[in-house]
C-alpha atoms as a PDB file:
ATOM      1  CA  MET A   1      -0.136   0.049   0.168  1.00  0.00           C
ATOM      2  CA  GLN A   2       1.333   3.648  -0.992  1.00  0.00           C
ATOM      3  CA  PRO A   3       1.590   5.877   1.741  1.00  0.00           C
ATOM      4  CA  ARG A   4      -0.871   8.599   1.789  1.00  0.00           C
ATOM      5  CA  ASN A   5       0.482  11.704   1.890  1.00  0.00           C
ATOM      6  CA  LYS A   6      -1.781  14.118  -0.502  1.00  0.00           C
ATOM      7  CA  TRP A   7      -4.153  16.094   1.648  1.00  0.00           C
ATOM      8  CA  VAL A   8      -7.419  16.767  -0.071  1.00  0.00           C
ATOM      9  CA  HIS A   9      -9.735  19.389   1.424  1.00  0.00           C
ATOM     10  CA  PHE A  10     -13.122  20.633   0.856  1.00  0.00           C
ATOM     11  CA  VAL A  11     -16.267  22.624   2.668  1.00  0.00           C
ATOM     12  CA  MET A  12     -19.720  21.128   3.870  1.00  0.00           C
ATOM     13  CA  SER A  13     -22.876  22.543   4.905  1.00  0.00           C
ATOM     14  CA  GLN A  14     -23.779  21.453   8.780  1.00  0.00           C
ATOM     15  CA  ASP A  15     -26.685  19.399   6.987  1.00  0.00           C
ATOM     16  CA  GLU A  16     -24.563  17.846   4.558  1.00  0.00           C
ATOM     17  CA  LEU A  17     -22.172  17.038   7.612  1.00  0.00           C
ATOM     18  CA  ASP A  18     -24.943  15.467   9.281  1.00  0.00           C
ATOM     19  CA  ARG A  19     -26.231  13.711   6.561  1.00  0.00           C
ATOM     20  CA  MET A  20     -22.755  12.522   5.989  1.00  0.00           C
ATOM     21  CA  HIS A  21     -22.215  11.249  10.023  1.00  0.00           C
ATOM     22  CA  GLN A  22     -25.474   9.850   9.589  1.00  0.00           C
ATOM     23  CA  LYS A  23     -24.767   7.210   6.717  1.00  0.00           C
ATOM     24  CA  MET A  24     -21.318   6.589   8.154  1.00  0.00           C
ATOM     25  CA  GLN A  25     -23.408   4.854  11.199  1.00  0.00           C
ATOM     26  CA  GLU A  26     -25.619   3.039   8.958  1.00  0.00           C
ATOM     27  CA  VAL A  27     -22.865   1.501   6.967  1.00  0.00           C
ATOM     28  CA  GLY A  28     -21.110   0.932  10.166  1.00  0.00           C
ATOM     29  CA  ILE A  29     -17.629   3.284   9.511  1.00  0.00           C
ATOM     30  CA  GLN A  30     -16.066   5.360  12.145  1.00  0.00           C
ATOM     31  CA  ASN A  31     -13.527   6.303  10.205  1.00  0.00           C
ATOM     32  CA  LYS A  32     -14.419   9.741   8.328  1.00  0.00           C
ATOM     33  CA  SER A  33     -11.084   9.630   6.246  1.00  0.00           C
ATOM     34  CA  ALA A  34     -12.280   6.078   5.423  1.00  0.00           C
ATOM     35  CA  TYR A  35     -15.686   6.125   4.691  1.00  0.00           C
ATOM     36  CA  LEU A  36     -14.787   9.826   2.530  1.00  0.00           C
ATOM     37  CA  ARG A  37     -12.126   7.972   0.804  1.00  0.00           C
ATOM     38  CA  LYS A  38     -14.655   4.705   0.108  1.00  0.00           C
ATOM     39  CA  MET A  39     -17.282   6.818  -1.355  1.00  0.00           C
ATOM     40  CA  ALA A  40     -14.557   9.024  -3.717  1.00  0.00           C
ATOM     41  CA  LEU A  41     -13.158   6.243  -5.027  1.00  0.00           C
ATOM     42  CA  ASP A  42     -15.773   3.565  -5.534  1.00  0.00           C
ATOM     43  CA  GLY A  43     -18.993   5.993  -4.711  1.00  0.00           C
ATOM     44  CA  TYR A  44     -20.539   3.191  -2.424  1.00  0.00           C
ATOM     45  CA  CYS A  45     -20.141   1.599   0.963  1.00  0.00           C
ATOM     46  CA  VAL A  46     -21.717  -1.662   1.970  1.00  0.00           C
ATOM     47  CA  ASN A  47     -22.358  -3.135   5.268  1.00  0.00           C
ATOM     48  CA  LEU A  48     -22.484  -6.962   5.012  1.00  0.00           C
ATOM     49  CA  GLU A  49     -24.566  -8.748   7.905  1.00  0.00           C
ATOM     50  CA  LEU A  50     -23.255 -11.585   8.252  1.00  0.00           C
ATOM     51  CA  GLU A  51     -24.650 -13.726  10.894  1.00  0.00           C
ATOM     52  CA  ASP A  52     -25.617 -16.780   8.155  1.00  0.00           C
ATOM     53  CA  VAL A  53     -21.856 -16.915   7.996  1.00  0.00           C
ATOM     54  CA  LYS A  54     -21.196 -17.088  11.438  1.00  0.00           C
ATOM     55  CA  LYS A  55     -23.902 -19.817  11.929  1.00  0.00           C
ATOM     56  CA  MET A  56     -22.243 -21.863   8.842  1.00  0.00           C
ATOM     57  CA  VAL A  57     -18.785 -21.513  10.499  1.00  0.00           C
ATOM     58  CA  SER A  58     -20.062 -22.539  13.678  1.00  0.00           C
ATOM     59  CA  LEU A  59     -21.660 -25.813  11.730  1.00  0.00           C
ATOM     60  CA  LEU A  60     -18.131 -25.642  10.015  1.00  0.00           C
ATOM     61  CA  ARG A  61     -16.218 -25.915  13.873  1.00  0.00           C
ATOM     62  CA  TYR A  62     -18.835 -28.541  15.112  1.00  0.00           C
ATOM     63  CA  CYS A  63     -18.234 -31.167  11.661  1.00  0.00           C
ATOM     64  CA  SER A  64     -14.795 -30.809  12.397  1.00  0.00           C
ATOM     65  CA  ASN A  65     -15.119 -31.346  15.676  1.00  0.00           C
ATOM     66  CA  ASN A  66     -17.174 -34.404  15.423  1.00  0.00           C
ATOM     67  CA  LEU A  67     -15.301 -35.699  12.541  1.00  0.00           C
ATOM     68  CA  ASN A  68     -12.074 -35.800  14.919  1.00  0.00           C
ATOM     69  CA  GLN A  69     -13.683 -37.658  16.919  1.00  0.00           C
ATOM     70  CA  TYR A  70     -14.477 -40.234  14.396  1.00  0.00           C
ATOM     71  CA  ALA A  71     -11.223 -40.161  13.408  1.00  0.00           C
ATOM     72  CA  LYS A  72      -9.665 -40.938  17.002  1.00  0.00           C
ATOM     73  CA  ARG A  73     -12.603 -43.556  17.416  1.00  0.00           C
ATOM     74  CA  ALA A  74     -11.826 -45.355  13.846  1.00  0.00           C
ATOM     75  CA  ASN A  75      -8.096 -45.170  15.093  1.00  0.00           C
ATOM     76  CA  ALA A  76      -8.384 -46.830  18.645  1.00  0.00           C
ATOM     77  CA  THR A  77     -11.482 -49.485  17.459  1.00  0.00           C
ATOM     78  CA  ASN A  78     -10.798 -50.219  13.576  1.00  0.00           C
ATOM     79  CA  SER A  79     -14.546 -49.414  13.093  1.00  0.00           C
ATOM     80  CA  ILE A  80     -16.647 -46.483  12.437  1.00  0.00           C
ATOM     81  CA  TYR A  81     -20.676 -46.203  12.860  1.00  0.00           C
ATOM     82  CA  ALA A  82     -22.640 -45.980   9.749  1.00  0.00           C
ATOM     83  CA  ASP A  83     -24.701 -43.698  11.853  1.00  0.00           C
ATOM     84  CA  ASP A  84     -22.006 -41.243  12.843  1.00  0.00           C
ATOM     85  CA  ILE A  85     -20.987 -40.637   9.188  1.00  0.00           C
ATOM     86  CA  GLN A  86     -24.612 -40.562   8.392  1.00  0.00           C
ATOM     87  CA  ASP A  87     -25.021 -37.266  10.950  1.00  0.00           C
ATOM     88  CA  LEU A  88     -21.784 -35.474   9.580  1.00  0.00           C
ATOM     89  CA  GLN A  89     -23.247 -36.193   6.159  1.00  0.00           C
ATOM     90  CA  ASN A  90     -26.341 -34.684   6.823  1.00  0.00           C
ATOM     91  CA  ARG A  91     -24.880 -31.672   8.863  1.00  0.00           C
ATOM     92  CA  LEU A  92     -22.487 -30.911   5.994  1.00  0.00           C
ATOM     93  CA  GLU A  93     -25.486 -30.873   3.357  1.00  0.00           C
ATOM     94  CA  GLU A  94     -26.958 -28.020   5.966  1.00  0.00           C
ATOM     95  CA  ILE A  95     -23.625 -26.388   5.667  1.00  0.00           C
ATOM     96  CA  TRP A  96     -23.569 -26.483   1.575  1.00  0.00           C
ATOM     97  CA  LEU A  97     -27.266 -24.840   2.050  1.00  0.00           C
ATOM     98  CA  SER A  98     -26.403 -22.345   3.622  1.00  0.00           C
ATOM     99  CA  ALA A  99     -23.334 -21.417   1.845  1.00  0.00           C
ATOM    100  CA  LYS A 100     -25.707 -21.516  -1.271  1.00  0.00           C
ATOM    101  CA  GLU A 101     -28.220 -19.360   0.237  1.00  0.00           C
ATOM    102  CA  ILE A 102     -25.098 -17.190   1.214  1.00  0.00           C
ATOM    103  CA  LEU A 103     -23.511 -16.839  -1.781  1.00  0.00           C
ATOM    104  CA  ALA A 104     -26.828 -16.033  -3.757  1.00  0.00           C
ATOM    105  CA  ARG A 105     -27.631 -13.198  -1.875  1.00  0.00           C
ATOM    106  CA  LEU A 106     -24.409 -11.687  -2.034  1.00  0.00           C
ATOM    107  CA  ALA A 107     -24.078 -12.188  -6.152  1.00  0.00           C
ATOM    108  CA  VAL A 108     -27.329  -9.635  -5.957  1.00  0.00           C
ATOM    109  CA  ILE A 109     -25.114  -7.163  -4.152  1.00  0.00           C
ATOM    110  CA  GLN A 110     -23.485  -4.956  -7.169  1.00  0.00           C
END
């Protein structure tokens, strides 16, 4: 990243400044320079609600933990239970469905 050593100055009315602060709050940006730079270069800021992604990551962790437990049991006993594999497959299918929904919603953003 190049050093930012060039200054840009401009004047706003109080109403414009208030609107800018409101828009910064809406997208969750607190740094005025970052907001103005993003708007000047790209023309928009996007605030993504990532609750679905957090849920998916949680499910992935759960499946990873289960898979590790299954692997330990398989290594210790030289056997694995079909019910365990079916449970893991069901959870992975749920994760894939969540991923597809999230990607479909993100694809609409332009």
